[in-house]
Amino acid sequence: MKILTKLFMIAILSASALLLSGCEKDDETADISFVTTYPVVSLIGEQWEVLQVGETFTDPGIEAFEGETAIDYTTSGTVDTSVPGVYVLTYTAVNQDGFSASTIRYVGVITPEAAAIDLSGQYQRTAGALGVSTVTRIEPGLYETDNIGGVADPGPATTVRFYHYDVNQLGVPPQDVQGSEFAAVDATVIPGESYSWIVINPGYGTALRTFVKL
């Protein structure tokens, strides 16, 4: 009987220890939240900015919220209005649980000579599908093409914006196009005649693509 009593007491003590251990684990995770409110960011002003060389750029920034609470954000990238080119500003906000959201602003610094030129019109690629690109002038120095790669069937999935920032120079910064990122490098133009660039996108090769004005 004494042996059975001892075994019974040991069993009770073991069960109590397990119960206390379970309570300690619950206490350890009691303050951990598995629900988060993701940050929401929105640009103030235009996403695509145009300035002439020497003008002053004042960054309007963004609005960032976690629920109804305004939160801080950081900005990466700078704009030098003394140097013609394309500048990209990235704004990032992080919520209290470490989740982030970002948005982008593009700033084209344009020479007066480039701003005075109108590149709008239709251009045909000289190789491949010989697709036609329709270039539209949004404002001096800022353009849109519906066919970045000169494919046979252009449309929203091949439409990008680009800057004509110097007489013979184009800038096509990385941009989201229906969930796929497009950009172009080595982008040059002969106003009134043609333009060329290498498309940066997983579905395109590394060939220089040249488009001649129709």
Protein backbone atom coordinates (compact mmCIF):
# COMPACT_ATOMS: atom_id res chain seq x y z
CA MET A 1 0.00 0.00 0.00
CA LYS A 2 2.83 2.40 0.79
CA ILE A 3 4.36 1.75 -2.64
CA LEU A 4 1.04 2.46 -4.36
CA THR A 5 0.59 5.63 -2.31
CA LYS A 6 4.08 6.84 -3.35
CA LEU A 7 3.39 6.07 -7.00
CA PHE A 8 0.09 7.95 -6.77
CA MET A 9 1.79 11.01 -5.26
CA ILE A 10 4.51 10.95 -7.93
CA ALA A 11 1.84 10.85 -10.64
CA ILE A 12 0.03 13.84 -9.12
CA LEU A 13 3.26 15.85 -8.82
CA SER A 14 4.20 15.06 -12.44
CA ALA A 15 0.78 16.16 -13.68
CA SER A 16 1.05 19.38 -11.66
CA ALA A 17 4.47 20.11 -13.13
CA LEU A 18 3.14 19.64 -16.66
CA LEU A 19 0.22 21.91 -15.92
CA LEU A 20 2.48 24.63 -14.54
CA SER A 21 4.82 24.26 -17.51
CA GLY A 22 1.87 24.73 -19.89
CA CYS A 23 0.81 27.88 -18.03
CA GLU A 24 4.32 29.31 -18.30
CA LYS A 25 4.31 28.78 -22.07
CA ASP A 26 0.94 30.48 -22.33
CA ASP A 27 2.28 33.43 -20.36
CA GLU A 28 5.28 33.64 -22.70
CA THR A 29 3.04 34.00 -25.78
CA ALA A 30 0.19 35.92 -24.18
CA ASP A 31 1.42 39.31 -25.49
CA ILE A 32 2.24 38.13 -29.04
CA SER A 33 -0.25 39.38 -31.65
CA PHE A 34 -0.98 37.35 -34.75
CA VAL A 35 -3.11 40.10 -36.28
CA THR A 36 -1.44 43.11 -37.86
CA THR A 37 -2.62 46.26 -39.60
CA TYR A 38 -0.51 46.70 -42.71
CA PRO A 39 0.81 50.18 -43.51
CA VAL A 40 -0.86 52.05 -46.36
CA VAL A 41 1.17 54.64 -48.29
CA SER A 42 0.06 57.15 -50.92
CA LEU A 43 1.97 59.77 -52.84
CA ILE A 44 1.33 63.47 -52.39
CA GLY A 45 1.52 65.10 -55.80
CA GLU A 46 2.44 63.44 -59.10
CA GLN A 47 4.25 60.14 -59.47
CA TRP A 48 6.01 61.35 -62.65
CA GLU A 49 7.59 64.78 -62.12
CA VAL A 50 9.23 66.94 -64.79
CA LEU A 51 11.71 69.73 -64.05
CA GLN A 52 14.01 71.72 -66.26
CA VAL A 53 17.70 71.90 -65.38
CA GLY A 54 18.29 74.43 -62.61
CA GLU A 55 14.73 74.44 -61.25
CA THR A 56 14.13 73.77 -57.56
CA PHE A 57 12.69 70.42 -56.52
CA THR A 58 10.64 70.32 -53.34
CA ASP A 59 9.70 66.78 -52.40
CA PRO A 60 6.00 66.69 -51.44
CA GLY A 61 6.50 63.30 -49.76
CA ILE A 62 3.78 60.78 -48.98
CA GLU A 63 1.04 59.97 -46.48
CA ALA A 64 1.58 56.81 -44.44
CA PHE A 65 -0.98 55.24 -42.12
CA GLU A 66 -1.32 52.19 -39.90
CA GLY A 67 -5.07 51.99 -39.63
CA GLU A 68 -6.13 55.53 -38.79
CA THR A 69 -2.79 56.44 -37.22
CA ALA A 70 -0.23 58.40 -39.24
CA ILE A 71 3.23 56.81 -39.12
CA ASP A 72 6.71 57.93 -40.13
CA TYR A 73 8.39 56.94 -43.38
CA THR A 74 11.86 57.00 -44.88
CA THR A 75 12.99 58.23 -48.29
CA SER A 76 15.81 56.77 -50.36
CA GLY A 77 17.24 58.49 -53.42
CA THR A 78 18.07 62.12 -54.20
CA VAL A 79 17.43 64.61 -56.99
CA ASP A 80 20.16 66.83 -58.43
CA THR A 81 18.48 69.41 -60.64
CA SER A 82 21.84 70.65 -61.92
CA VAL A 83 22.39 67.37 -63.77
CA PRO A 84 19.95 66.21 -66.47
CA GLY A 85 18.71 62.68 -65.96
CA VAL A 86 16.10 60.46 -64.35
CA TYR A 87 15.91 60.19 -60.57
CA VAL A 88 13.93 57.66 -58.52
CA LEU A 89 12.72 58.29 -54.97
CA THR A 90 11.48 55.35 -52.89
CA TYR A 91 9.33 55.94 -49.80
CA THR A 92 8.94 53.19 -47.18
CA ALA A 93 6.78 52.97 -44.07
CA VAL A 94 6.97 50.17 -41.47
CA ASN A 95 4.21 49.23 -39.01
CA GLN A 96 4.72 48.25 -35.39
CA ASP A 97 5.03 44.56 -36.30
CA GLY A 98 7.77 45.18 -38.87
CA PHE A 99 5.68 44.90 -42.03
CA SER A 100 6.51 47.48 -44.70
CA ALA A 101 4.92 49.18 -47.70
CA SER A 102 6.63 51.27 -50.36
CA THR A 103 5.86 53.59 -53.24
CA ILE A 104 7.97 55.35 -55.88
CA ARG A 105 8.24 58.79 -57.46
CA TYR A 106 10.10 59.51 -60.71
CA VAL A 107 11.72 62.87 -61.39
CA GLY A 108 13.03 63.78 -64.82
CA VAL A 109 15.44 66.71 -65.02
CA ILE A 110 15.21 67.92 -68.61
CA THR A 111 17.44 70.23 -70.66
CA PRO A 112 15.68 73.13 -72.43
CA GLU A 113 16.85 71.71 -75.78
CA ALA A 114 15.18 68.35 -75.11
CA ALA A 115 12.01 69.99 -73.80
CA ALA A 116 11.66 71.89 -77.08
CA ILE A 117 11.60 68.64 -79.12
CA ASP A 118 8.45 66.59 -79.70
CA LEU A 119 9.17 62.87 -80.18
CA SER A 120 5.53 61.81 -80.52
CA GLY A 121 4.55 59.64 -83.47
CA GLN A 122 4.73 56.06 -84.68
CA TYR A 123 7.96 54.07 -84.87
CA GLN A 124 8.57 50.61 -86.28
CA ARG A 125 11.10 48.17 -84.90
CA THR A 126 13.74 47.17 -87.42
CA ALA A 127 13.90 43.48 -86.40
CA GLY A 128 11.84 40.74 -84.78
CA ALA A 129 8.09 41.13 -85.20
CA LEU A 130 8.57 44.59 -86.74
CA GLY A 131 6.00 45.86 -84.25
CA VAL A 132 4.88 49.47 -84.25
CA SER A 133 5.36 51.69 -81.19
CA THR A 134 3.06 54.65 -80.70
CA VAL A 135 4.87 57.34 -78.71
CA THR A 136 2.69 59.93 -76.97
CA ARG A 137 3.96 63.18 -75.45
CA ILE A 138 2.46 63.68 -71.98
CA GLU A 139 4.32 66.93 -71.39
CA PRO A 140 7.67 68.33 -72.57
CA GLY A 141 10.28 65.73 -71.69
CA LEU A 142 7.84 62.99 -70.57
CA TYR A 143 6.48 60.34 -72.95
CA GLU A 144 4.61 57.06 -73.09
CA THR A 145 4.97 54.18 -75.55
CA ASP A 146 2.47 51.37 -75.93
CA ASN A 147 5.13 48.95 -77.21
CA ILE A 148 8.41 48.98 -75.30
CA GLY A 149 9.73 45.90 -77.08
CA GLY A 150 8.32 46.26 -80.57
CA VAL A 151 6.13 43.15 -80.26
CA ALA A 152 3.43 42.26 -82.76
CA ASP A 153 0.49 43.11 -80.48
CA PRO A 154 1.10 46.13 -78.21
CA GLY A 155 -1.19 47.05 -75.35
CA PRO A 156 -1.37 47.81 -71.61
CA ALA A 157 1.07 45.00 -70.78
CA THR A 158 3.79 46.64 -72.93
CA THR A 159 3.06 50.29 -72.11
CA VAL A 160 5.74 52.27 -70.25
CA ARG A 161 6.68 55.87 -69.59
CA PHE A 162 10.06 57.38 -70.32
CA TYR A 163 11.90 60.69 -70.22
CA HIS A 164 13.67 62.55 -73.03
CA TYR A 165 16.05 64.33 -70.69
CA ASP A 166 18.77 65.45 -73.12
CA VAL A 167 18.83 65.88 -76.89
CA ASN A 168 20.07 62.35 -77.64
CA GLN A 169 19.30 60.67 -74.31
CA LEU A 170 16.26 58.78 -73.03
CA GLY A 171 15.60 57.41 -69.56
CA VAL A 172 13.29 54.45 -68.90
CA PRO A 173 13.28 53.79 -65.14
CA PRO A 174 12.09 50.50 -63.59
CA GLN A 175 8.28 50.52 -63.36
CA ASP A 176 5.50 48.08 -62.65
CA VAL A 177 3.43 47.17 -65.70
CA GLN A 178 0.51 44.93 -64.75
CA GLY A 179 2.62 43.06 -62.20
CA SER A 180 5.77 42.80 -64.33
CA GLU A 181 8.71 45.18 -63.99
CA PHE A 182 10.02 46.88 -67.12
CA ALA A 183 12.95 49.22 -67.68
CA ALA A 184 15.39 49.98 -70.47
CA VAL A 185 19.11 50.78 -70.63
CA ASP A 186 21.40 52.24 -73.29
CA ALA A 187 18.44 54.34 -74.38
CA THR A 188 19.26 56.91 -77.06
CA VAL A 189 17.34 58.90 -79.65
CA ILE A 190 17.94 60.73 -82.91
CA PRO A 191 15.04 63.19 -82.83
CA GLY A 192 12.81 62.89 -85.88
CA GLU A 193 14.51 59.66 -87.01
CA SER A 194 14.77 56.81 -84.52
CA TYR A 195 15.37 55.63 -80.98
CA SER A 196 17.03 52.53 -79.48
CA TRP A 197 17.18 50.74 -76.13
CA ILE A 198 17.72 47.37 -74.44
CA VAL A 199 14.59 46.18 -72.65
CA ILE A 200 15.06 44.90 -69.09
CA ASN A 201 12.40 42.27 -68.39
CA PRO A 202 12.58 38.47 -67.89
CA GLY A 203 10.52 37.88 -71.04
CA TYR A 204 12.86 39.83 -73.32
CA GLY A 205 16.39 39.22 -74.54
CA THR A 206 19.42 41.48 -74.32
CA ALA A 207 19.40 42.74 -77.91
CA LEU A 208 19.44 46.44 -78.70
CA ARG A 209 16.03 47.28 -80.17
CA THR A 210 15.88 50.09 -82.72
CA PHE A 211 12.70 51.86 -83.81
CA VAL A 212 12.53 54.03 -86.93
CA LYS A 213 9.94 56.79 -87.27
CA LEU A 214 7.22 56.16 -89.83
